[in-house]
Protein backbone atom coordinates (compact mmCIF):
# COMPACT_ATOMS: atom_id res chain seq x y z
CA MET A 1 -0.02 0.10 0.02
CA ASP A 2 2.93 2.40 0.69
CA GLY A 3 3.52 4.38 -2.41
CA SER A 4 0.13 3.84 -3.91
CA PRO A 5 -1.56 7.18 -4.99
CA ASP A 6 -4.84 6.14 -3.37
CA TYR A 7 -3.52 6.07 0.09
CA TYR A 8 -1.95 8.47 2.69
CA MET A 9 -0.10 7.58 5.81
CA LEU A 10 -1.66 9.16 8.92
CA SER A 11 -0.15 8.93 12.42
CA GLY A 12 2.07 6.03 11.25
CA THR A 13 -0.72 3.34 11.18
CA ARG A 14 -4.06 5.06 10.17
CA GLN A 15 -4.71 5.27 6.49
CA LEU A 16 -7.37 7.21 4.44
CA SER A 17 -8.25 6.59 0.74
CA SER A 18 -8.38 9.35 -1.68
CA PHE A 19 -12.02 8.64 -2.19
CA ALA A 20 -12.63 9.47 1.44
CA TRP A 21 -10.73 12.65 1.13
CA ARG A 22 -12.95 13.62 -1.82
CA LEU A 23 -16.13 12.76 0.14
CA VAL A 24 -15.01 15.00 3.00
CA GLY A 25 -14.38 17.93 0.65
CA VAL A 26 -17.85 17.47 -0.85
CA VAL A 27 -19.37 17.52 2.74
CA LEU A 28 -17.41 20.75 3.66
CA ALA A 29 -18.39 22.35 0.53
CA CYS A 30 -22.08 21.59 1.17
CA THR A 31 -21.77 22.75 4.77
CA CYS A 32 -20.24 26.12 3.55
CA CYS A 33 -23.25 26.50 1.04
CA LEU A 34 -25.80 25.93 3.71
CA ALA A 35 -24.05 28.22 6.27
CA HIS A 36 -24.08 31.03 3.67
CA ASP A 37 -27.77 30.99 3.58
CA VAL A 38 -28.39 30.40 7.32
CA PRO A 39 -31.09 32.84 8.77
CA ALA A 40 -30.37 35.56 11.06
CA HIS A 41 -32.06 33.93 14.05
CA ALA A 42 -29.99 30.79 13.59
CA GLN A 43 -26.75 32.70 13.31
CA SER A 44 -27.07 33.68 16.90
CA PHE A 45 -25.86 30.30 18.07
CA LEU A 46 -23.17 29.96 15.68
CA PRO A 47 -19.50 30.25 16.92
CA HIS A 48 -18.26 33.83 17.37
CA GLY A 49 -14.63 34.90 17.26
CA PRO A 50 -13.04 38.35 17.89
CA ARG A 51 -14.88 41.10 16.22
CA PHE A 52 -14.01 43.71 13.68
CA THR A 53 -16.15 46.82 13.13
CA TYR A 54 -17.04 48.09 9.59
CA ALA A 55 -18.51 51.28 8.11
CA ASN A 56 -22.07 50.06 8.21
CA ASN A 57 -21.80 49.17 11.86
CA GLN A 58 -21.88 45.36 11.13
CA THR A 59 -19.75 43.16 12.97
CA SER A 60 -18.05 39.98 11.92
CA SER A 61 -16.04 37.40 13.55
CA LEU A 62 -12.61 36.10 12.39
CA ILE A 63 -14.34 32.93 11.23
CA GLY A 64 -17.15 34.58 9.37
CA TYR A 65 -20.20 34.23 11.56
CA ASN A 66 -22.31 36.90 13.17
CA ARG A 67 -24.48 36.89 16.31
CA SER A 68 -27.85 38.52 16.02
CA GLU A 69 -28.33 41.77 17.73
CA GLU A 70 -30.70 40.29 20.25
CA PHE A 71 -28.39 37.48 21.26
CA GLU A 72 -25.67 39.90 21.54
CA GLN A 73 -27.55 42.08 24.02
CA ALA A 74 -28.79 39.00 25.99
CA ILE A 75 -25.31 37.56 26.77
CA ARG A 76 -24.13 41.00 27.64
CA ALA A 77 -27.27 41.63 29.88
CA GLN A 78 -26.99 45.26 28.90
CA SER A 79 -27.07 47.77 25.94
CA PRO A 80 -25.29 46.86 22.73
CA SER A 81 -21.68 46.63 22.95
CA PRO A 82 -19.68 49.79 22.25
CA THR A 83 -17.30 50.20 19.28
CA PHE A 84 -13.86 49.22 20.43
CA GLU A 85 -12.31 49.78 17.03
CA GLN A 86 -12.52 52.91 14.92
CA PRO A 87 -14.75 52.80 11.76
CA TYR A 88 -13.31 51.75 8.44
CA ASN A 89 -10.73 54.24 7.08
CA PRO A 90 -10.76 54.19 3.25
CA SER A 91 -7.03 54.96 3.36
CA LEU A 92 -6.36 51.43 4.83
CA GLY A 93 -7.16 49.93 1.45
CA ALA A 94 -9.95 49.10 -1.07
CA PRO A 95 -12.05 45.93 -1.03
CA PRO A 96 -10.86 43.01 -3.04
CA ALA A 97 -12.05 42.63 -6.47
CA GLY A 98 -15.38 40.80 -6.64
CA ALA A 99 -16.26 41.27 -3.00
CA SER A 100 -19.69 42.02 -2.00
CA PRO A 101 -20.66 45.73 -1.39
CA GLN A 102 -20.97 45.05 2.30
CA TYR A 103 -17.29 44.20 2.68
CA GLN A 104 -14.84 46.66 4.14
CA VAL A 105 -11.27 46.21 5.28
CA PRO A 106 -11.26 45.83 9.04
CA THR A 107 -9.27 48.32 11.05
CA ASP A 108 -6.09 47.47 12.82
CA GLN A 109 -7.04 49.55 15.87
CA ALA A 110 -6.08 47.68 19.12
CA PRO A 111 -9.15 46.16 20.64
CA TYR A 112 -8.17 46.85 24.16
CA LEU A 113 -8.24 50.64 23.84
CA ALA A 114 -10.70 52.38 26.14
CA PRO A 115 -14.25 52.39 24.81
CA GLN A 116 -16.24 55.38 24.46
CA GLY A 117 -18.52 56.99 27.19
CA GLY A 118 -17.23 55.07 30.22
CA TYR A 119 -18.68 51.80 29.23
CA GLN A 120 -18.22 48.96 31.81
CA ASP A 121 -18.20 45.35 30.58
CA PRO A 122 -18.29 42.93 33.48
CA PHE A 123 -17.48 39.94 31.41
CA LEU A 124 -14.16 41.27 30.25
CA GLN A 125 -12.39 41.45 33.60
CA TYR A 126 -8.93 40.56 34.27
CA PRO A 127 -8.61 36.75 34.87
CA GLY A 128 -8.38 36.26 38.57
CA ASN A 129 -10.73 39.25 39.43
CA ALA A 130 -8.00 40.37 41.93
CA VAL A 131 -8.57 43.06 44.49
CA PRO A 132 -7.55 46.42 43.31
CA ASP A 133 -4.48 47.66 45.10
CA SER A 134 -5.84 50.62 47.02
CA MET A 135 -2.36 51.17 48.40
CA ASN A 136 -1.37 52.37 45.04
CA ALA A 137 -2.32 55.69 43.70
CA PHE A 138 -2.68 54.44 40.32
CA GLY A 139 -5.40 52.10 41.23
CA GLY A 140 -3.54 48.80 40.73
CA SER A 141 -3.12 46.80 37.41
CA GLN A 142 -6.43 45.14 37.67
CA VAL A 143 -9.43 45.98 35.62
CA PHE A 144 -11.60 47.08 38.74
CA GLY A 145 -12.47 50.63 37.78
CA VAL A 146 -14.76 52.50 35.37
CA ASN A 147 -14.35 53.15 31.67
CA GLY A 148 -14.71 49.48 30.74
CA PRO A 149 -12.31 46.66 30.16
CA GLN A 150 -8.85 47.76 31.07
CA PRO A 151 -6.23 45.18 30.26
CA PHE A 152 -4.07 43.52 32.79
CA ARG A 153 -0.52 44.76 31.92
CA THR A 154 2.06 41.98 32.04
CA GLY A 155 5.92 42.51 31.95
CA TRP A 156 7.87 45.26 33.57
CA ILE A 157 6.19 48.56 34.66
CA PRO A 158 8.23 51.35 36.14
CA SER A 159 6.70 54.11 38.10
CA LEU A 160 7.98 57.21 40.07
CA GLU A 161 5.98 59.30 42.68
CA LEU A 162 6.99 62.63 44.25
CA GLY A 163 5.34 64.22 47.30
CA TRP A 164 5.75 67.30 49.44
CA LEU A 165 4.49 67.96 52.93
CA ALA A 166 4.35 71.58 53.88
CA PRO A 167 5.94 72.83 56.99
CA ALA A 168 4.37 71.77 60.28
CA ASN A 169 4.84 72.83 63.81
CA ALA A 170 6.50 70.17 66.11
CA THR A 171 4.87 70.06 69.68
CA GLY A 172 5.25 68.13 72.80
CA GLY A 173 8.15 65.98 74.10
CA ASN A 174 10.72 68.85 74.13
CA ALA A 175 10.28 69.22 70.34
CA SER A 176 10.40 72.62 68.72
CA GLY A 177 10.37 74.33 65.26
CA ASP A 178 8.87 73.22 62.03
CA MET A 179 9.45 70.19 60.02
CA GLN A 180 8.70 69.74 56.14
CA ILE A 181 9.28 66.55 54.18
CA PHE A 182 10.01 65.87 50.51
CA GLU A 183 9.20 62.36 49.27
CA ILE A 184 10.54 60.17 46.44
CA ASP A 185 9.18 56.63 45.80
CA SER A 186 9.97 54.47 42.78
CA GLU A 187 9.47 50.80 41.76
CA LEU A 188 9.98 48.48 38.96
CA ARG A 189 7.02 46.12 38.99
CA TYR A 190 6.85 42.80 37.10
CA ASN A 191 3.41 41.35 36.50
CA THR A 192 2.80 37.82 35.09
CA ILE A 193 0.00 35.28 34.74
CA ILE A 194 0.74 31.95 36.38
CA GLY A 195 -1.10 28.68 36.33
CA ARG A 196 -4.57 28.77 35.10
CA GLY A 197 -5.00 32.47 35.41
CA GLY A 198 -3.58 33.46 38.80
CA LEU A 199 -1.74 36.82 38.98
CA PHE A 200 1.92 37.12 40.51
CA SER A 201 3.36 40.54 40.93
CA ILE A 202 6.93 41.44 42.20
CA ALA A 203 8.34 44.91 42.57
CA PRO A 204 11.81 46.10 43.65
CA GLN A 205 11.27 49.46 45.33
CA PHE A 206 13.38 52.40 46.32
CA GLY A 207 12.36 55.49 48.45
CA MET A 208 13.87 58.57 50.15
CA ARG A 209 12.66 60.99 52.63
CA PHE A 210 14.28 64.52 53.01
CA TRP A 211 13.69 65.98 56.41
CA ASP A 212 13.94 69.65 57.03
CA GLY A 213 13.59 70.23 60.63
CA PRO A 214 12.58 70.30 63.39
CA LEU A 215 15.11 72.24 65.52
CA SER A 216 14.72 69.66 68.31
CA PRO A 217 15.04 66.70 68.37
CA ASN A 218 17.92 66.66 65.87
CA LEU A 219 17.05 64.32 63.19
CA PRO A 220 19.04 63.31 60.12
CA GLY A 221 18.57 65.09 56.86
CA GLU A 222 17.54 62.08 54.83
CA VAL A 223 16.49 58.35 55.04
CA TYR A 224 16.26 55.57 52.58
CA ARG A 225 13.94 52.58 51.88
CA PHE A 226 14.84 49.51 49.89
CA GLY A 227 11.89 47.08 49.58
CA LEU A 228 10.70 44.05 47.54
CA ASP A 229 6.87 43.88 47.20
CA MET A 230 5.40 40.55 46.23
CA GLN A 231 1.61 39.70 45.72
CA LEU A 232 -0.29 36.68 44.64
CA ASP A 233 -3.99 36.60 43.56
CA THR A 234 -5.42 33.09 42.82
CA VAL A 235 -7.95 32.22 40.43
CA PRO A 236 -11.46 32.52 41.79
CA VAL A 237 -13.47 29.31 42.33
CA ASN A 238 -17.21 29.86 42.54
CA GLY A 239 -16.48 33.50 43.13
CA TRP A 240 -13.99 33.01 45.82
CA GLY A 241 -10.34 33.98 45.58
CA VAL A 242 -7.22 34.82 47.84
CA ARG A 243 -4.81 37.52 47.87
CA VAL A 244 -1.52 37.15 49.75
CA GLY A 245 1.30 39.70 49.86
CA PHE A 246 4.81 40.05 51.44
CA ASN A 247 6.81 43.25 51.58
CA PRO A 248 10.10 43.04 53.34
CA SER A 249 12.16 46.19 53.40
CA ILE A 250 15.32 48.00 54.69
CA ASN A 251 14.61 51.47 56.22
CA SER A 252 17.66 53.51 57.41
CA ASP A 253 19.67 56.62 57.25
CA LEU A 254 22.70 54.32 56.30
CA THR A 255 24.94 56.09 58.77
CA ALA A 256 25.45 52.95 60.97
CA SER A 257 25.41 49.16 60.71
CA LEU A 258 21.98 47.81 59.83
CA GLY A 259 20.23 46.14 62.82
CA SER A 260 16.96 44.58 63.34
CA ASP A 261 15.34 48.02 63.73
CA ALA A 262 16.12 48.59 60.03
CA PHE A 263 14.12 45.78 58.67
CA ASN A 264 10.25 45.88 58.21
CA TRP A 265 8.35 42.73 57.58
CA ASP A 266 5.07 43.60 56.17
CA GLY A 267 2.43 41.08 55.09
CA THR A 268 -1.22 40.75 53.91
CA ALA A 269 -3.78 37.93 53.53
CA ALA A 270 -7.45 38.07 52.53
CA LEU A 271 -10.23 36.34 51.02
CA VAL A 272 -12.09 37.91 48.01
CA TYR A 273 -15.68 36.99 47.12
CA GLN A 274 -17.12 38.43 43.99
CA ALA A 275 -20.94 38.38 44.69
CA SER A 276 -21.75 39.79 41.30
CA PRO A 277 -19.76 41.45 38.52
CA THR A 278 -20.28 44.84 40.05
CA PHE A 279 -19.96 43.93 43.93
CA THR A 280 -16.98 42.32 45.65
CA ILE A 281 -16.28 41.58 49.28
CA VAL A 282 -12.83 41.61 50.72
CA GLY A 283 -11.88 40.29 54.27
CA GLY A 284 -8.57 39.82 55.75
CA VAL A 285 -5.65 41.18 57.86
CA THR A 286 -2.44 43.24 57.21
CA TYR A 287 0.57 43.42 59.42
CA TRP A 288 3.07 46.35 59.53
CA ASP A 289 6.27 45.92 61.30
CA ARG A 290 7.30 49.42 62.78
CA VAL A 291 8.14 50.65 66.21
CA ASP A 292 4.54 49.66 67.08
CA ASN A 293 3.53 46.38 65.43
CA PHE A 294 0.41 47.01 63.58
CA LEU A 295 -2.11 44.13 63.03
CA LEU A 296 -4.93 45.78 61.03
CA PRO A 297 -8.16 44.65 59.28
CA TYR A 298 -7.73 44.54 55.52
CA GLY A 299 -11.05 44.68 53.68
CA GLY A 300 -14.28 46.16 52.87
CA VAL A 301 -16.45 46.24 49.59
CA ILE A 302 -15.74 47.32 45.95
CA TRP A 303 -18.98 48.45 44.29
CA LEU A 304 -19.52 49.61 40.66
CA PRO A 305 -23.03 51.17 40.66
CA SER A 306 -22.74 52.42 37.12
CA ASP A 307 -20.46 53.12 34.17
CA ARG A 308 -18.78 56.01 35.75
CA TRP A 309 -18.63 55.46 39.44
CA GLU A 310 -16.34 53.03 41.43
CA PHE A 311 -16.46 52.76 45.23
CA GLN A 312 -13.45 51.05 46.83
CA VAL A 313 -14.48 51.22 50.49
CA LEU A 314 -11.57 49.49 51.92
CA PHE A 315 -9.41 49.84 55.04
CA PRO A 316 -6.66 50.92 55.65
CA ARG A 317 -6.80 52.67 52.26
CA GLY A 318 -9.85 53.41 50.03
CA LYS A 319 -10.83 55.39 47.02
CA ILE A 320 -13.90 56.66 45.38
CA SER A 321 -13.45 57.22 41.49
CA TYR A 322 -15.54 59.01 38.91
CA PHE A 323 -14.83 58.53 35.24
CA MET A 324 -14.76 62.04 33.58
CA GLY A 325 -14.48 60.83 30.03
CA ASN A 326 -12.01 60.44 27.05
CA PHE A 327 -10.37 63.79 25.94
CA LEU A 328 -7.00 65.36 25.56
CA ASN A 329 -5.52 62.06 24.30
CA GLY A 330 -6.50 60.19 27.36
CA SER A 331 -9.01 58.67 29.86
CA HIS A 332 -9.44 60.73 33.00
CA TRP A 333 -10.71 59.94 36.42
CA LEU A 334 -11.53 62.31 39.45
CA TYR A 335 -11.02 60.68 42.67
CA VAL A 336 -11.16 61.04 46.41
CA SER A 337 -8.78 58.77 48.63
CA GLY A 338 -8.07 58.33 52.21
CA GLY A 339 -6.34 56.07 54.66
CA PHE A 340 -3.97 55.38 57.43
CA TYR A 341 -0.09 55.65 56.88
CA ALA A 342 2.88 54.40 59.00
CA GLU A 343 6.68 54.56 58.31
CA SER A 344 9.69 53.71 60.43
CA TYR A 345 13.36 53.88 60.10
CA GLN A 346 16.51 53.11 61.96
CA ILE A 347 18.47 56.36 62.50
CA GLN A 348 21.34 57.92 64.29
CA MET A 349 20.34 60.82 66.33
CA GLN A 350 22.63 63.81 66.20
CA GLY A 351 24.23 65.16 69.41
CA PRO A 352 24.08 63.14 71.36
CA ASP A 353 25.02 60.25 69.06
CA ILE A 354 22.35 57.71 69.85
CA ALA A 355 20.85 54.77 67.80
CA GLU A 356 17.06 55.02 67.48
CA GLN A 357 14.19 53.70 65.53
CA ILE A 358 11.64 56.44 64.66
CA GLN A 359 8.03 55.90 63.41
CA PHE A 360 5.74 58.40 61.60
CA THR A 361 1.92 57.86 61.60
CA ASP A 362 -0.93 59.85 60.04
CA TRP A 363 -4.25 59.93 58.41
CA ARG A 364 -4.46 61.42 54.79
CA VAL A 365 -7.47 62.55 52.68
CA MET A 366 -6.58 63.51 49.07
CA LEU A 367 -8.31 64.75 46.05
CA GLY A 368 -6.73 64.00 42.69
CA ILE A 369 -7.03 63.35 38.96
CA ARG A 370 -5.69 60.23 37.32
CA SER A 371 -4.99 59.88 33.51
CA ASP A 372 -4.43 56.90 31.26
CA HIS A 373 -2.81 57.90 27.92
CA CYS A 374 -2.26 54.17 26.77
CA TYR A 375 1.60 54.26 26.78
CA TYR A 376 1.74 55.87 30.24
CA GLU A 377 -0.38 56.86 33.18
CA LYS A 378 -0.17 59.88 35.62
CA PHE A 379 -1.89 61.35 38.66
CA ILE A 380 -1.72 64.52 40.65
CA GLU A 381 -3.21 65.11 44.02
CA VAL A 382 -3.67 67.52 46.83
CA GLY A 383 -5.03 67.11 50.24
CA ALA A 384 -4.66 67.21 54.08
CA VAL A 385 -2.37 65.16 56.48
CA LEU A 386 -4.11 64.79 59.83
CA GLY A 387 -3.34 63.25 63.23
CA ARG A 388 0.42 63.07 62.93
CA GLU A 389 2.49 61.51 65.52
CA VAL A 390 6.18 60.79 65.89
CA ASP A 391 7.26 57.96 68.23
CA PHE A 392 10.64 56.57 69.19
CA LYS A 393 11.63 53.14 70.42
CA TYR A 394 14.59 53.82 72.85
CA GLY A 395 13.47 56.68 75.03
CA THR A 396 13.78 59.79 72.89
CA PRO A 397 10.55 61.83 73.79
CA ASN A 398 7.71 61.44 71.38
CA PHE A 399 6.21 64.58 69.70
CA ASP A 400 3.30 65.53 67.31
CA LEU A 401 3.20 67.45 64.22
CA SER A 402 0.43 69.75 63.37
CA ASP A 403 -1.89 69.11 60.40
CA THR A 404 -0.49 70.21 57.00
CA PHE A 405 -1.05 70.30 53.37
CA MET A 406 0.34 67.77 51.03
CA ALA A 407 0.80 67.52 47.10
CA ARG A 408 1.73 64.43 45.19
CA PHE A 409 2.49 63.63 41.49
CA GLY A 410 3.24 60.34 39.89
CA ILE A 411 3.82 58.71 36.52
CA ARG A 412 3.78 55.10 35.42
CA PHE A 413 4.84 53.58 32.06
């Protein structure tokens, strides 16, 4: 049989005659003819691939089938889908010779660009439905947020944030004078999908604090932070998922040998339950290793009441966002954020020369604007810093700082 024109070798042992191949070809040809004339209501249940948009607002899948408008609305459980791609542009090319009048060359516009009008599609969420990182001014890499499906970004993502706390009066504990602070925070985050859709994120971090004042006690002029943030969000099962995070860091003025006071060991663990596409419940704990060891509740609710509003009612830090629209070559959100903050550093006190660990705690309420320009994101925010306390570990008198104004700016690529 080998070498005979009427047979082909398949998988080493299975053979199929040329007559069978011709029969298969006839069946496929008949199937194509029948599919060409299939009625609209039947097309609703045909396979459907990624869509392109044409000038007459018709959509077609990559394999040639269309869902009816009624079926498209039913599976979305909302109004018809917005146009992700731009309408056909004649400059992209003419229809092939002999094509039907309805044919137009599909655009090559990226389908993940922000849709028009703040559309929210709960079916196109990040695989894993992870909790948004409310600790992050950019709102995290997840799709929680208004303005529709925002793609989860994999790979390396650098960011830089700058902050300024206006001069504030130091009171109590023999403190005197004013103190102002300039902040620099940067990270190089790497996001990747692992397993069957889980999200793993790791970020080397570097930060600096420049301290101007107070007159007493005599603090160093700058301190440094070197951290490594790691987070894992599991694939949800029946709506349930898990988030765990670990963020060790070195915090010091680098004037003396590093001791245990220079190391912070922070961690988070939480359960996540997505009750509906627009409502998620988070419950867990977070631990901050400072002069005081903080064991805090980590959780709350995430609610998307409409296409434009998003409520991240979370502790220790939350945010309420409103999508303003697409203009000035970007998508823009107005937001209010607030939360509790704590930092600590190993320092060498000046005159007398004493090793100490210092801790700053405060509450912040900020008003800001965040913008997404596809290739980069930025935010600018202003607000108030309240309830400021400065504590020491080894006997230096504690003191307070008066409430003050704060401004921050950040950019992420």
